[in-house]
Amino acid sequence: MASKLGIKLIHIEAGLRSFNKKMPEEINRIITDRIADILFCSSETGVKHLKNEGIVNGVYECGDIMYDSLLLFCLEL
């Protein structure tokens, strides 16, 4: 919907792949990566997956948000 309305779309954890297209989530990941304007990857592996699919513009390796969240909440305990 955002893409059709001209709203910039950002995908966090872009480039993650299971390579199992029988999983609905895998199809969602691929589609979202193709329509997103900015793609934040959690690792170099995600960047490489996107590059292999021909997606190189707007791609940034920013770190693992889930790992960072774990560290944040474990430090608060």
N, C-alpha and C. Protein backbone atom coordinates (compact mmCIF):
# COMPACT_ATOMS: atom_id res chain seq x y z
N MET A 1 0.82 -1.19 0.00
CA MET A 1 0.00 0.00 0.00
C MET A 1 0.87 1.26 0.00
N ALA A 2 1.88 1.30 0.87
CA ALA A 2 2.74 2.47 0.94
C ALA A 2 3.41 2.73 -0.40
N SER A 3 3.88 1.67 -1.03
CA SER A 3 4.56 1.81 -2.32
C SER A 3 3.64 2.42 -3.36
N LYS A 4 2.40 2.01 -3.40
CA LYS A 4 1.44 2.53 -4.37
C LYS A 4 1.07 3.98 -4.09
N LEU A 5 1.17 4.40 -2.83
CA LEU A 5 0.84 5.78 -2.46
C LEU A 5 2.05 6.71 -2.55
N GLY A 6 3.19 6.19 -2.96
CA GLY A 6 4.38 7.01 -3.09
C GLY A 6 5.08 7.29 -1.76
N ILE A 7 4.75 6.50 -0.74
CA ILE A 7 5.37 6.66 0.57
C ILE A 7 6.64 5.80 0.60
N LYS A 8 7.73 6.39 1.06
CA LYS A 8 8.99 5.65 1.14
C LYS A 8 8.82 4.46 2.08
N LEU A 9 9.36 3.33 1.66
CA LEU A 9 9.26 2.10 2.44
C LEU A 9 10.65 1.68 2.89
N ILE A 10 10.78 1.37 4.18
CA ILE A 10 12.03 0.93 4.76
C ILE A 10 11.86 -0.51 5.23
N HIS A 11 12.81 -1.36 4.91
CA HIS A 11 12.78 -2.75 5.38
C HIS A 11 13.92 -2.98 6.34
N ILE A 12 13.57 -3.25 7.60
CA ILE A 12 14.56 -3.58 8.62
C ILE A 12 14.76 -5.09 8.59
N GLU A 13 15.98 -5.54 8.72
CA GLU A 13 16.38 -6.94 8.59
C GLU A 13 16.21 -7.43 7.15
N ALA A 14 16.51 -6.55 6.21
CA ALA A 14 16.43 -6.90 4.78
C ALA A 14 17.52 -7.91 4.43
N GLY A 15 17.27 -8.65 3.38
CA GLY A 15 18.26 -9.59 2.87
C GLY A 15 18.30 -10.93 3.57
N LEU A 16 17.52 -11.10 4.62
CA LEU A 16 17.49 -12.40 5.30
C LEU A 16 16.80 -13.40 4.38
N ARG A 17 17.33 -14.58 4.29
CA ARG A 17 16.76 -15.61 3.41
C ARG A 17 16.83 -16.97 4.07
N SER A 18 15.76 -17.76 3.89
CA SER A 18 15.77 -19.17 4.29
C SER A 18 15.96 -20.04 3.05
N PHE A 19 15.72 -19.47 1.88
CA PHE A 19 15.79 -20.15 0.59
C PHE A 19 14.77 -21.29 0.49
N ASN A 20 13.68 -21.17 1.24
CA ASN A 20 12.58 -22.12 1.19
C ASN A 20 11.33 -21.37 0.74
N LYS A 21 11.07 -21.38 -0.56
CA LYS A 21 9.94 -20.61 -1.09
C LYS A 21 8.59 -21.24 -0.77
N LYS A 22 8.57 -22.38 -0.09
CA LYS A 22 7.31 -22.95 0.37
C LYS A 22 6.80 -22.22 1.61
N MET A 23 7.71 -21.47 2.24
CA MET A 23 7.34 -20.70 3.43
C MET A 23 6.77 -19.35 3.00
N PRO A 24 5.55 -19.01 3.43
CA PRO A 24 4.97 -17.70 3.05
C PRO A 24 5.87 -16.53 3.45
N GLU A 25 6.54 -16.63 4.58
CA GLU A 25 7.38 -15.54 5.04
C GLU A 25 8.54 -15.28 4.08
N GLU A 26 9.05 -16.32 3.45
CA GLU A 26 10.16 -16.15 2.50
C GLU A 26 9.71 -15.30 1.31
N ILE A 27 8.52 -15.57 0.81
CA ILE A 27 7.97 -14.79 -0.30
C ILE A 27 7.78 -13.34 0.13
N ASN A 28 7.27 -13.13 1.34
CA ASN A 28 7.10 -11.77 1.86
C ASN A 28 8.42 -11.03 1.94
N ARG A 29 9.48 -11.71 2.38
CA ARG A 29 10.81 -11.07 2.47
C ARG A 29 11.29 -10.62 1.10
N ILE A 30 11.15 -11.50 0.12
CA ILE A 30 11.62 -11.20 -1.23
C ILE A 30 10.86 -10.01 -1.82
N ILE A 31 9.54 -10.03 -1.69
CA ILE A 31 8.71 -8.95 -2.23
C ILE A 31 9.03 -7.63 -1.53
N THR A 32 9.12 -7.67 -0.21
CA THR A 32 9.39 -6.44 0.54
C THR A 32 10.75 -5.85 0.16
N ASP A 33 11.75 -6.71 -0.02
CA ASP A 33 13.06 -6.21 -0.43
C ASP A 33 13.00 -5.55 -1.81
N ARG A 34 12.18 -6.04 -2.68
CA ARG A 34 12.10 -5.48 -4.04
C ARG A 34 11.39 -4.14 -4.10
N ILE A 35 10.43 -3.91 -3.18
CA ILE A 35 9.68 -2.64 -3.24
C ILE A 35 10.20 -1.59 -2.26
N ALA A 36 11.08 -1.99 -1.34
CA ALA A 36 11.59 -1.04 -0.34
C ALA A 36 12.56 -0.04 -0.98
N ASP A 37 12.52 1.17 -0.46
CA ASP A 37 13.43 2.23 -0.91
C ASP A 37 14.74 2.20 -0.15
N ILE A 38 14.67 1.85 1.13
CA ILE A 38 15.84 1.77 1.99
C ILE A 38 15.81 0.40 2.66
N LEU A 39 16.95 -0.29 2.61
CA LEU A 39 17.04 -1.64 3.16
C LEU A 39 18.14 -1.71 4.20
N PHE A 40 17.79 -1.99 5.44
CA PHE A 40 18.74 -2.12 6.53
C PHE A 40 18.99 -3.60 6.77
N CYS A 41 20.23 -4.03 6.56
CA CYS A 41 20.61 -5.44 6.73
C CYS A 41 21.30 -5.62 8.07
N SER A 42 21.05 -6.77 8.69
CA SER A 42 21.65 -7.04 9.99
C SER A 42 23.08 -7.58 9.88
N SER A 43 23.49 -7.97 8.67
CA SER A 43 24.84 -8.52 8.51
C SER A 43 25.29 -8.37 7.06
N GLU A 44 26.56 -8.64 6.84
CA GLU A 44 27.11 -8.63 5.48
C GLU A 44 26.45 -9.70 4.62
N THR A 45 26.00 -10.77 5.24
CA THR A 45 25.32 -11.84 4.50
C THR A 45 24.05 -11.31 3.84
N GLY A 46 23.28 -10.52 4.56
CA GLY A 46 22.08 -9.92 3.98
C GLY A 46 22.40 -9.01 2.81
N VAL A 47 23.47 -8.23 2.95
CA VAL A 47 23.91 -7.36 1.86
C VAL A 47 24.27 -8.19 0.64
N LYS A 48 24.97 -9.30 0.85
CA LYS A 48 25.37 -10.18 -0.26
C LYS A 48 24.15 -10.81 -0.93
N HIS A 49 23.16 -11.24 -0.13
CA HIS A 49 21.95 -11.82 -0.72
C HIS A 49 21.26 -10.81 -1.63
N LEU A 50 21.15 -9.57 -1.15
CA LEU A 50 20.50 -8.54 -1.96
C LEU A 50 21.31 -8.27 -3.23
N LYS A 51 22.62 -8.20 -3.11
CA LYS A 51 23.47 -7.96 -4.27
C LYS A 51 23.29 -9.07 -5.30
N ASN A 52 23.22 -10.32 -4.83
CA ASN A 52 23.01 -11.46 -5.73
C ASN A 52 21.66 -11.38 -6.45
N GLU A 53 20.71 -10.68 -5.85
CA GLU A 53 19.38 -10.50 -6.46
C GLU A 53 19.30 -9.21 -7.27
N GLY A 54 20.42 -8.51 -7.39
CA GLY A 54 20.46 -7.29 -8.19
C GLY A 54 20.01 -6.04 -7.44
N ILE A 55 19.93 -6.11 -6.12
CA ILE A 55 19.51 -4.96 -5.32
C ILE A 55 20.75 -4.39 -4.64
N VAL A 56 21.15 -3.19 -5.05
CA VAL A 56 22.35 -2.57 -4.48
C VAL A 56 22.11 -1.14 -4.00
N ASN A 57 21.10 -0.49 -4.50
CA ASN A 57 20.82 0.90 -4.11
C ASN A 57 20.01 0.94 -2.82
N GLY A 58 20.39 1.84 -1.93
CA GLY A 58 19.66 2.02 -0.69
C GLY A 58 19.88 0.92 0.33
N VAL A 59 20.96 0.14 0.18
CA VAL A 59 21.25 -0.98 1.07
C VAL A 59 22.31 -0.55 2.10
N TYR A 60 22.01 -0.80 3.38
CA TYR A 60 22.92 -0.43 4.46
C TYR A 60 23.04 -1.59 5.45
N GLU A 61 24.27 -1.88 5.84
CA GLU A 61 24.48 -2.85 6.92
C GLU A 61 24.48 -2.06 8.22
N CYS A 62 23.54 -2.36 9.11
CA CYS A 62 23.39 -1.54 10.32
C CYS A 62 23.53 -2.34 11.61
N GLY A 63 23.70 -3.63 11.52
CA GLY A 63 23.81 -4.45 12.73
C GLY A 63 22.51 -5.17 13.02
N ASP A 64 22.56 -6.04 13.99
CA ASP A 64 21.45 -6.92 14.33
C ASP A 64 20.58 -6.30 15.41
N ILE A 65 19.41 -5.82 15.04
CA ILE A 65 18.51 -5.15 15.97
C ILE A 65 18.03 -6.09 17.08
N MET A 66 17.87 -7.37 16.77
CA MET A 66 17.43 -8.33 17.78
C MET A 66 18.54 -8.56 18.82
N TYR A 67 19.76 -8.67 18.36
CA TYR A 67 20.89 -8.83 19.28
C TYR A 67 21.05 -7.59 20.16
N ASP A 68 20.95 -6.41 19.54
CA ASP A 68 21.06 -5.17 20.30
C ASP A 68 19.95 -5.05 21.34
N SER A 69 18.74 -5.46 20.99
CA SER A 69 17.62 -5.44 21.94
C SER A 69 17.88 -6.38 23.10
N LEU A 70 18.40 -7.56 22.80
CA LEU A 70 18.73 -8.53 23.84
C LEU A 70 19.75 -7.94 24.81
N LEU A 71 20.79 -7.32 24.27
CA LEU A 71 21.79 -6.71 25.13
C LEU A 71 21.18 -5.60 26.00
N LEU A 72 20.34 -4.79 25.41
CA LEU A 72 19.72 -3.69 26.14
C LEU A 72 18.87 -4.20 27.30
N PHE A 73 18.02 -5.18 27.01
CA PHE A 73 17.11 -5.65 28.04
C PHE A 73 17.82 -6.54 29.07
N CYS A 74 18.84 -7.25 28.69
CA CYS A 74 19.59 -8.06 29.66
C CYS A 74 20.40 -7.16 30.59
N LEU A 75 20.88 -6.06 30.08
CA LEU A 75 21.63 -5.14 30.93
C LEU A 75 20.74 -4.43 31.93
N GLU A 76 19.44 -4.30 31.59
CA GLU A 76 18.50 -3.65 32.50
C GLU A 76 18.08 -4.55 33.63
N LEU A 77 18.28 -5.87 33.52
CA LEU A 77 17.86 -6.80 34.57
C LEU A 77 18.76 -6.66 35.72
